[in-house]
PDB file of N, CA and C in Angstrom:
ATOM      1  N   MET A   1      55.657  76.379 118.122  1.00  0.00           N
ATOM      2  CA  MET A   1      56.057  75.029 118.514  1.00  0.00           C
ATOM      3  C   MET A   1      55.419  74.027 117.562  1.00  0.00           C
ATOM      4  N   SER A   2      54.181  74.214 117.132  1.00  0.00           N
ATOM      5  CA  SER A   2      53.562  73.266 116.179  1.00  0.00           C
ATOM      6  C   SER A   2      54.364  73.208 114.763  1.00  0.00           C
ATOM      7  N   ARG A   3      54.776  74.379 114.353  1.00  0.00           N
ATOM      8  CA  ARG A   3      55.479  74.409 113.134  1.00  0.00           C
ATOM      9  C   ARG A   3      56.799  73.574 113.239  1.00  0.00           C
ATOM     10  N   GLU A   4      57.545  73.800 114.229  1.00  0.00           N
ATOM     11  CA  GLU A   4      58.818  73.125 114.486  1.00  0.00           C
ATOM     12  C   GLU A   4      58.588  71.628 114.619  1.00  0.00           C
ATOM     13  N   LEU A   5      57.558  71.247 115.333  1.00  0.00           N
ATOM     14  CA  LEU A   5      57.325  69.880 115.493  1.00  0.00           C
ATOM     15  C   LEU A   5      56.862  69.223 114.137  1.00  0.00           C
ATOM     16  N   ALA A   6      56.169  69.887 113.368  1.00  0.00           N
ATOM     17  CA  ALA A   6      55.731  69.386 112.004  1.00  0.00           C
ATOM     18  C   ALA A   6      56.895  69.081 111.218  1.00  0.00           C
ATOM     19  N   PHE A   7      57.851  70.001 111.194  1.00  0.00           N
ATOM     20  CA  PHE A   7      59.164  69.632 110.425  1.00  0.00           C
ATOM     21  C   PHE A   7      59.949  68.598 110.974  1.00  0.00           C
ATOM     22  N   GLN A   8      59.952  68.458 112.257  1.00  0.00           N
ATOM     23  CA  GLN A   8      60.704  67.387 112.965  1.00  0.00           C
ATOM     24  C   GLN A   8      60.037  66.008 112.493  1.00  0.00           C
ATOM     25  N   ILE A   9      58.797  65.879 112.557  1.00  0.00           N
ATOM     26  CA  ILE A   9      58.052  64.741 112.125  1.00  0.00           C
ATOM     27  C   ILE A   9      58.330  64.372 110.729  1.00  0.00           C
ATOM     28  N   ALA A  10      58.280  65.419 109.843  1.00  0.00           N
ATOM     29  CA  ALA A  10      58.540  65.279 108.516  1.00  0.00           C
ATOM     30  C   ALA A  10      59.913  64.732 108.180  1.00  0.00           C
ATOM     31  N   GLU A  11      60.893  65.233 109.029  1.00  0.00           N
ATOM     32  CA  GLU A  11      62.248  64.718 108.863  1.00  0.00           C
ATOM     33  C   GLU A  11      62.339  63.255 109.226  1.00  0.00           C
ATOM     34  N   GLN A  12      61.639  62.829 110.216  1.00  0.00           N
ATOM     35  CA  GLN A  12      61.699  61.453 110.666  1.00  0.00           C
ATOM     36  C   GLN A  12      60.978  60.504 109.476  1.00  0.00           C
ATOM     37  N   PHE A  13      59.950  61.038 108.945  1.00  0.00           N
ATOM     38  CA  PHE A  13      59.277  60.191 107.890  1.00  0.00           C
ATOM     39  C   PHE A  13      60.262  60.117 106.658  1.00  0.00           C
ATOM     40  N   ALA A  14      61.036  61.250 106.324  1.00  0.00           N
ATOM     41  CA  ALA A  14      62.018  61.194 105.304  1.00  0.00           C
ATOM     42  C   ALA A  14      63.080  60.208 105.541  1.00  0.00           C
ATOM     43  N   VAL A  15      63.587  60.100 106.792  1.00  0.00           N
ATOM     44  CA  VAL A  15      64.735  59.155 107.088  1.00  0.00           C
ATOM     45  C   VAL A  15      64.177  57.791 107.088  1.00  0.00           C
ATOM     46  N   LEU A  16      63.088  57.525 107.839  1.00  0.00           N
ATOM     47  CA  LEU A  16      62.590  56.155 107.938  1.00  0.00           C
ATOM     48  C   LEU A  16      61.936  55.628 106.632  1.00  0.00           C
ATOM     49  N   GLY A  17      61.344  56.600 105.854  1.00  0.00           N
ATOM     50  CA  GLY A  17      60.658  56.116 104.714  1.00  0.00           C
ATOM     51  C   GLY A  17      61.449  56.335 103.361  1.00  0.00           C
ATOM     52  N   ALA A  18      62.815  56.609 103.507  1.00  0.00           N
ATOM     53  CA  ALA A  18      63.679  56.787 102.324  1.00  0.00           C
ATOM     54  C   ALA A  18      63.689  55.582 101.373  1.00  0.00           C
ATOM     55  N   SER A  19      63.833  54.431 101.916  1.00  0.00           N
ATOM     56  CA  SER A  19      63.858  53.274 101.078  1.00  0.00           C
ATOM     57  C   SER A  19      62.505  52.948 100.413  1.00  0.00           C
ATOM     58  N   LEU A  20      61.488  53.495 100.988  1.00  0.00           N
ATOM     59  CA  LEU A  20      60.090  53.306 100.312  1.00  0.00           C
ATOM     60  C   LEU A  20      59.725  54.443  99.385  1.00  0.00           C
ATOM     61  N   ASN A  21      60.548  55.478  99.280  1.00  0.00           N
ATOM     62  CA  ASN A  21      60.253  56.622  98.515  1.00  0.00           C
ATOM     63  C   ASN A  21      58.972  57.320  98.859  1.00  0.00           C
ATOM     64  N   ILE A  22      58.773  57.394 100.301  1.00  0.00           N
ATOM     65  CA  ILE A  22      57.626  58.075 100.811  1.00  0.00           C
ATOM     66  C   ILE A  22      57.691  59.581 100.565  1.00  0.00           C
ATOM     67  N   ARG A  23      56.573  60.117 100.021  1.00  0.00           N
ATOM     68  CA  ARG A  23      56.543  61.582  99.816  1.00  0.00           C
ATOM     69  C   ARG A  23      55.817  62.262 100.923  1.00  0.00           C
ATOM     70  N   THR A  24      56.279  63.372 101.527  1.00  0.00           N
ATOM     71  CA  THR A  24      55.627  64.101 102.530  1.00  0.00           C
ATOM     72  C   THR A  24      55.389  65.529 102.127  1.00  0.00           C
ATOM     73  N   ALA A  25      54.453  66.133 102.795  1.00  0.00           N
ATOM     74  CA  ALA A  25      54.219  67.600 102.665  1.00  0.00           C
ATOM     75  C   ALA A  25      53.880  68.131 103.970  1.00  0.00           C
ATOM     76  N   VAL A  26      54.612  69.206 104.279  1.00  0.00           N
ATOM     77  CA  VAL A  26      54.432  69.874 105.514  1.00  0.00           C
ATOM     78  C   VAL A  26      53.437  71.199 105.172  1.00  0.00           C
ATOM     79  N   VAL A  27      52.317  71.251 105.940  1.00  0.00           N
ATOM     80  CA  VAL A  27      51.415  72.261 105.613  1.00  0.00           C
ATOM     81  C   VAL A  27      51.048  73.034 106.967  1.00  0.00           C
ATOM     82  N   VAL A  28      51.779  74.169 107.224  1.00  0.00           N
ATOM     83  CA  VAL A  28      51.572  74.927 108.380  1.00  0.00           C
ATOM     84  C   VAL A  28      51.468  76.449 108.119  1.00  0.00           C
ATOM     85  N   GLY A  29      50.959  77.120 109.071  1.00  0.00           N
ATOM     86  CA  GLY A  29      50.780  78.547 108.938  1.00  0.00           C
ATOM     87  C   GLY A  29      52.151  79.262 108.841  1.00  0.00           C
ATOM     88  N   GLY A  30      52.164  80.478 108.347  1.00  0.00           N
ATOM     89  CA  GLY A  30      53.409  81.236 108.222  1.00  0.00           C
ATOM     90  C   GLY A  30      54.281  80.922 107.048  1.00  0.00           C
ATOM     91  N   MET A  31      53.915  79.931 106.268  1.00  0.00           N
ATOM     92  CA  MET A  31      54.634  79.551 105.096  1.00  0.00           C
ATOM     93  C   MET A  31      53.809  79.875 103.816  1.00  0.00           C
ATOM     94  N   ASP A  32      54.339  79.930 102.617  1.00  0.00           N
ATOM     95  CA  ASP A  32      53.699  80.281 101.400  1.00  0.00           C
ATOM     96  C   ASP A  32      52.674  79.233 101.051  1.00  0.00           C
ATOM     97  N   MET A  33      51.457  79.714 100.926  1.00  0.00           N
ATOM     98  CA  MET A  33      50.352  78.758 100.501  1.00  0.00           C
ATOM     99  C   MET A  33      50.561  78.164  99.124  1.00  0.00           C
ATOM    100  N   MET A  34      51.058  78.924  98.228  1.00  0.00           N
ATOM    101  CA  MET A  34      51.237  78.506  96.851  1.00  0.00           C
ATOM    102  C   MET A  34      52.316  77.384  96.849  1.00  0.00           C
ATOM    103  N   ALA A  35      53.382  77.529  97.527  1.00  0.00           N
ATOM    104  CA  ALA A  35      54.429  76.409  97.595  1.00  0.00           C
ATOM    105  C   ALA A  35      53.783  75.114  98.233  1.00  0.00           C
ATOM    106  N   GLN A  36      53.006  75.331  99.239  1.00  0.00           N
ATOM    107  CA  GLN A  36      52.345  74.244  99.878  1.00  0.00           C
ATOM    108  C   GLN A  36      51.389  73.554  98.935  1.00  0.00           C
ATOM    109  N   ALA A  37      50.607  74.338  98.182  1.00  0.00           N
ATOM    110  CA  ALA A  37      49.750  73.851  97.176  1.00  0.00           C
ATOM    111  C   ALA A  37      50.400  72.963  96.201  1.00  0.00           C
ATOM    112  N   LEU A  38      51.554  73.380  95.776  1.00  0.00           N
ATOM    113  CA  LEU A  38      52.367  72.636  94.849  1.00  0.00           C
ATOM    114  C   LEU A  38      52.872  71.246  95.433  1.00  0.00           C
ATOM    115  N   GLU A  39      53.240  71.374  96.696  1.00  0.00           N
ATOM    116  CA  GLU A  39      53.545  70.042  97.377  1.00  0.00           C
ATOM    117  C   GLU A  39      52.418  69.142  97.528  1.00  0.00           C
ATOM    118  N   LEU A  40      51.266  69.695  97.826  1.00  0.00           N
ATOM    119  CA  LEU A  40      50.117  68.866  97.864  1.00  0.00           C
ATOM    120  C   LEU A  40      49.726  68.314  96.502  1.00  0.00           C
ATOM    121  N   GLY A  41      50.027  69.064  95.474  1.00  0.00           N
ATOM    122  CA  GLY A  41      49.701  68.489  94.103  1.00  0.00           C
ATOM    123  C   GLY A  41      50.694  67.432  93.629  1.00  0.00           C
ATOM    124  N   ASN A  42      51.708  67.190  94.428  1.00  0.00           N
ATOM    125  CA  ASN A  42      52.564  66.064  94.050  1.00  0.00           C
ATOM    126  C   ASN A  42      52.149  64.770  94.688  1.00  0.00           C
ATOM    127  N   ARG A  43      50.884  64.774  95.242  1.00  0.00           N
ATOM    128  CA  ARG A  43      50.269  63.574  95.835  1.00  0.00           C
ATOM    129  C   ARG A  43      51.145  62.877  96.877  1.00  0.00           C
ATOM    130  N   PRO A  44      51.333  63.675  98.041  1.00  0.00           N
ATOM    131  CA  PRO A  44      52.247  63.058  99.054  1.00  0.00           C
ATOM    132  C   PRO A  44      51.465  61.891  99.712  1.00  0.00           C
ATOM    133  N   HIS A  45      52.236  60.920 100.245  1.00  0.00           N
ATOM    134  CA  HIS A  45      51.698  59.829 100.949  1.00  0.00           C
ATOM    135  C   HIS A  45      51.363  60.244 102.450  1.00  0.00           C
ATOM    136  N   VAL A  46      52.194  61.284 102.871  1.00  0.00           N
ATOM    137  CA  VAL A  46      51.905  61.686 104.306  1.00  0.00           C
ATOM    138  C   VAL A  46      51.824  63.236 104.317  1.00  0.00           C
ATOM    139  N   VAL A  47      50.852  63.721 104.904  1.00  0.00           N
ATOM    140  CA  VAL A  47      50.749  65.136 105.068  1.00  0.00           C
ATOM    141  C   VAL A  47      50.753  65.514 106.570  1.00  0.00           C
ATOM    142  N   ILE A  48      51.729  66.289 106.918  1.00  0.00           N
ATOM    143  CA  ILE A  48      51.874  66.821 108.282  1.00  0.00           C
ATOM    144  C   ILE A  48      51.412  68.206 108.326  1.00  0.00           C
ATOM    145  N   ALA A  49      50.306  68.473 109.157  1.00  0.00           N
ATOM    146  CA  ALA A  49      49.793  69.805 109.027  1.00  0.00           C
ATOM    147  C   ALA A  49      49.211  70.240 110.326  1.00  0.00           C
ATOM    148  N   THR A  50      49.020  71.613 110.456  1.00  0.00           N
ATOM    149  CA  THR A  50      48.261  72.152 111.534  1.00  0.00           C
ATOM    150  C   THR A  50      46.867  72.344 111.052  1.00  0.00           C
ATOM    151  N   PRO A  51      45.924  72.082 111.922  1.00  0.00           N
ATOM    152  CA  PRO A  51      44.555  72.179 111.534  1.00  0.00           C
ATOM    153  C   PRO A  51      43.982  73.354 110.750  1.00  0.00           C
ATOM    154  N   GLY A  52      44.441  74.551 111.233  1.00  0.00           N
ATOM    155  CA  GLY A  52      44.011  75.777 110.604  1.00  0.00           C
ATOM    156  C   GLY A  52      44.534  75.908 109.130  1.00  0.00           C
ATOM    157  N   ARG A  53      45.682  75.537 108.920  1.00  0.00           N
ATOM    158  CA  ARG A  53      46.303  75.670 107.534  1.00  0.00           C
ATOM    159  C   ARG A  53      45.701  74.561 106.542  1.00  0.00           C
ATOM    160  N   ILE A  54      45.435  73.391 107.029  1.00  0.00           N
ATOM    161  CA  ILE A  54      44.936  72.343 106.169  1.00  0.00           C
ATOM    162  C   ILE A  54      43.498  72.815 105.778  1.00  0.00           C
ATOM    163  N   VAL A  55      42.716  73.392 106.674  1.00  0.00           N
ATOM    164  CA  VAL A  55      41.363  73.955 106.449  1.00  0.00           C
ATOM    165  C   VAL A  55      41.461  75.090 105.399  1.00  0.00           C
ATOM    166  N   ASP A  56      42.505  75.961 105.470  1.00  0.00           N
ATOM    167  CA  ASP A  56      42.723  76.961 104.548  1.00  0.00           C
ATOM    168  C   ASP A  56      42.854  76.438 103.144  1.00  0.00           C
ATOM    169  N   HIS A  57      43.706  75.374 103.003  1.00  0.00           N
ATOM    170  CA  HIS A  57      43.853  74.742 101.670  1.00  0.00           C
ATOM    171  C   HIS A  57      42.563  74.092 101.150  1.00  0.00           C
ATOM    172  N   LEU A  58      41.919  73.451 102.092  1.00  0.00           N
ATOM    173  CA  LEU A  58      40.654  72.716 101.624  1.00  0.00           C
ATOM    174  C   LEU A  58      39.628  73.851 101.152  1.00  0.00           C
ATOM    175  N   ARG A  59      39.544  74.930 101.802  1.00  0.00           N
ATOM    176  CA  ARG A  59      38.602  75.971 101.389  1.00  0.00           C
ATOM    177  C   ARG A  59      38.955  76.806 100.129  1.00  0.00           C
ATOM    178  N   SER A  60      40.228  76.849  99.847  1.00  0.00           N
ATOM    179  CA  SER A  60      40.749  77.688  98.826  1.00  0.00           C
ATOM    180  C   SER A  60      40.930  76.959  97.470  1.00  0.00           C
ATOM    181  N   THR A  61      40.827  75.612  97.346  1.00  0.00           N
ATOM    182  CA  THR A  61      41.102  74.943  96.221  1.00  0.00           C
ATOM    183  C   THR A  61      39.942  74.651  95.295  1.00  0.00           C
ATOM    184  N   SER A  62      38.744  74.983  95.665  1.00  0.00           N
ATOM    185  CA  SER A  62      37.600  74.827  94.830  1.00  0.00           C
ATOM    186  C   SER A  62      37.423  73.322  94.391  1.00  0.00           C
ATOM    187  N   GLY A  63      37.643  72.468  95.293  1.00  0.00           N
ATOM    188  CA  GLY A  63      37.499  71.036  94.978  1.00  0.00           C
ATOM    189  C   GLY A  63      38.540  70.384  94.240  1.00  0.00           C
ATOM    190  N   GLU A  64      39.646  71.228  93.818  1.00  0.00           N
ATOM    191  CA  GLU A  64      40.833  70.610  93.131  1.00  0.00           C
ATOM    192  C   GLU A  64      41.595  69.661  93.980  1.00  0.00           C
ATOM    193  N   TRP A  65      41.637  69.829  95.371  1.00  0.00           N
ATOM    194  CA  TRP A  65      42.353  69.021  96.252  1.00  0.00           C
ATOM    195  C   TRP A  65      41.552  68.705  97.392  1.00  0.00           C
ATOM    196  N   ASP A  66      41.568  67.496  97.798  1.00  0.00           N
ATOM    197  CA  ASP A  66      40.864  67.088  98.990  1.00  0.00           C
ATOM    198  C   ASP A  66      41.638  65.963  99.727  1.00  0.00           C
ATOM    199  N   LEU A  67      41.136  65.479 100.834  1.00  0.00           N
ATOM    200  CA  LEU A  67      41.779  64.568 101.635  1.00  0.00           C
ATOM    201  C   LEU A  67      41.695  63.121 101.035  1.00  0.00           C
ATOM    202  N   SER A  68      40.972  62.854 100.016  1.00  0.00           N
ATOM    203  CA  SER A  68      40.843  61.480  99.470  1.00  0.00           C
ATOM    204  C   SER A  68      42.136  60.923  98.983  1.00  0.00           C
ATOM    205  N   ARG A  69      42.944  61.751  98.518  1.00  0.00           N
ATOM    206  CA  ARG A  69      44.306  61.406  98.016  1.00  0.00           C
ATOM    207  C   ARG A  69      45.393  61.078  99.092  1.00  0.00           C
ATOM    208  N   VAL A  70      45.006  61.522 100.331  1.00  0.00           N
ATOM    209  CA  VAL A  70      46.108  61.369 101.450  1.00  0.00           C
ATOM    210  C   VAL A  70      45.866  60.033 102.084  1.00  0.00           C
ATOM    211  N   LYS A  71      46.912  59.265 102.265  1.00  0.00           N
ATOM    212  CA  LYS A  71      46.879  58.015 102.946  1.00  0.00           C
ATOM    213  C   LYS A  71      47.090  58.203 104.471  1.00  0.00           C
ATOM    214  N   PHE A  72      47.875  59.219 104.884  1.00  0.00           N
ATOM    215  CA  PHE A  72      48.151  59.316 106.292  1.00  0.00           C
ATOM    216  C   PHE A  72      48.282  60.849 106.541  1.00  0.00           C
ATOM    217  N   LEU A  73      47.427  61.398 107.484  1.00  0.00           N
ATOM    218  CA  LEU A  73      47.493  62.708 107.947  1.00  0.00           C
ATOM    219  C   LEU A  73      47.896  62.823 109.348  1.00  0.00           C
ATOM    220  N   VAL A  74      48.862  63.703 109.562  1.00  0.00           N
ATOM    221  CA  VAL A  74      49.314  63.950 110.979  1.00  0.00           C
ATOM    222  C   VAL A  74      48.986  65.489 111.230  1.00  0.00           C
ATOM    223  N   SER A  75      48.099  65.589 112.180  1.00  0.00           N
ATOM    224  CA  SER A  75      47.528  66.911 112.506  1.00  0.00           C
ATOM    225  C   SER A  75      48.125  67.273 113.841  1.00  0.00           C
ATOM    226  N   ILE A  76      48.743  68.476 113.921  1.00  0.00           N
ATOM    227  CA  ILE A  76      49.447  68.878 115.054  1.00  0.00           C
ATOM    228  C   ILE A  76      48.815  70.254 115.575  1.00  0.00           C
ATOM    229  N   ARG A  77      48.468  70.253 116.945  1.00  0.00           N
ATOM    230  CA  ARG A  77      48.005  71.451 117.623  1.00  0.00           C
ATOM    231  C   ARG A  77      48.620  71.509 118.939  1.00  0.00           C
ATOM    232  N   THR A  78      49.041  72.803 119.300  1.00  0.00           N
ATOM    233  CA  THR A  78      49.535  72.906 120.658  1.00  0.00           C
ATOM    234  C   THR A  78      48.658  73.814 121.441  1.00  0.00           C
ATOM    235  N   SER A  79      48.597  73.594 122.642  1.00  0.00           N
ATOM    236  CA  SER A  79      47.859  74.271 123.615  1.00  0.00           C
ATOM    237  C   SER A  79      48.541  74.500 124.916  1.00  0.00           C
ATOM    238  N   GLY A  80      49.116  75.739 125.094  1.00  0.00           N
ATOM    239  CA  GLY A  80      49.976  75.950 126.296  1.00  0.00           C
ATOM    240  C   GLY A  80      51.172  75.001 126.316  1.00  0.00           C
ATOM    241  N   TYR A  81      51.303  74.199 127.282  1.00  0.00           N
ATOM    242  CA  TYR A  81      52.432  73.301 127.448  1.00  0.00           C
ATOM    243  C   TYR A  81      52.220  71.909 126.827  1.00  0.00           C
ATOM    244  N   CYS A  82      51.060  71.827 126.255  1.00  0.00           N
ATOM    245  CA  CYS A  82      50.671  70.406 125.698  1.00  0.00           C
ATOM    246  C   CYS A  82      50.730  70.491 124.215  1.00  0.00           C
ATOM    247  N   CYS A  83      51.048  69.329 123.605  1.00  0.00           N
ATOM    248  CA  CYS A  83      51.013  69.239 122.096  1.00  0.00           C
ATOM    249  C   CYS A  83      50.118  68.067 121.855  1.00  0.00           C
ATOM    250  N   PHE A  84      49.249  68.175 120.939  1.00  0.00           N
ATOM    251  CA  PHE A  84      48.312  67.083 120.524  1.00  0.00           C
ATOM    252  C   PHE A  84      48.656  66.690 119.072  1.00  0.00           C
ATOM    253  N   ILE A  85      49.010  65.455 119.020  1.00  0.00           N
ATOM    254  CA  ILE A  85      49.329  64.963 117.640  1.00  0.00           C
ATOM    255  C   ILE A  85      48.255  63.871 117.273  1.00  0.00           C
ATOM    256  N   ASN A  86      47.520  64.190 116.195  1.00  0.00           N
ATOM    257  CA  ASN A  86      46.453  63.277 115.863  1.00  0.00           C
ATOM    258  C   ASN A  86      46.825  62.742 114.425  1.00  0.00           C
ATOM    259  N   ALA A  87      47.168  61.430 114.484  1.00  0.00           N
ATOM    260  CA  ALA A  87      47.544  60.785 113.243  1.00  0.00           C
ATOM    261  C   ALA A  87      46.351  59.789 112.779  1.00  0.00           C
ATOM    262  N   ARG A  88      45.967  59.993 111.551  1.00  0.00           N
ATOM    263  CA  ARG A  88      44.909  59.181 110.960  1.00  0.00           C
ATOM    264  C   ARG A  88      45.222  58.498 109.732  1.00  0.00           C
ATOM    265  N   LEU A  89      44.918  57.309 109.521  1.00  0.00           N
ATOM    266  CA  LEU A  89      45.019  56.662 108.212  1.00  0.00           C
ATOM    267  C   LEU A  89      43.740  56.808 107.470  1.00  0.00           C
ATOM    268  N   TRP A  90      43.857  57.482 106.382  1.00  0.00           N
ATOM    269  CA  TRP A  90      42.652  57.665 105.495  1.00  0.00           C
ATOM    270  C   TRP A  90      42.477  56.601 104.488  1.00  0.00           C
ATOM    271  N   ILE A  91      41.367  55.991 104.409  1.00  0.00           N
ATOM    272  CA  ILE A  91      41.082  54.970 103.410  1.00  0.00           C
ATOM    273  C   ILE A  91      40.018  55.455 102.532  1.00  0.00           C
ATOM    274  N   GLY A  92      40.432  56.013 101.396  1.00  0.00           N
ATOM    275  CA  GLY A  92      39.354  56.430 100.381  1.00  0.00           C
ATOM    276  C   GLY A  92      39.019  55.378  99.439  1.00  0.00           C
ATOM    277  N   SER A  93      38.080  55.714  98.587  1.00  0.00           N
ATOM    278  CA  SER A  93      37.662  54.751  97.427  1.00  0.00           C
ATOM    279  C   SER A  93      38.707  54.624  96.476  1.00  0.00           C
ATOM    280  N   ARG A  94      39.329  53.638  96.227  1.00  0.00           N
ATOM    281  CA  ARG A  94      40.380  53.508  95.200  1.00  0.00           C
ATOM    282  C   ARG A  94      40.034  52.206  94.374  1.00  0.00           C
TER     283      ARG A  94
END
């Protein structure tokens, strides 16, 4: 359920943000981590992720990628019949 919801949210960002050229990345389990790392390397404005997979990427990059480049993170977690969406605006030092 989390994975499907992540892709649905990304589709909405693509539609609503098309005129603004918003770049998104979907980072969920069950997908190729290398392909996801390449997406993250494109400096997306919005990252839609499941907590476990974003942690996997943070641990495996040796500091090459971190959340300081992300302006908006949507974290999706499901628990039984409930789905929790945590969206945060990150303001890093720029």
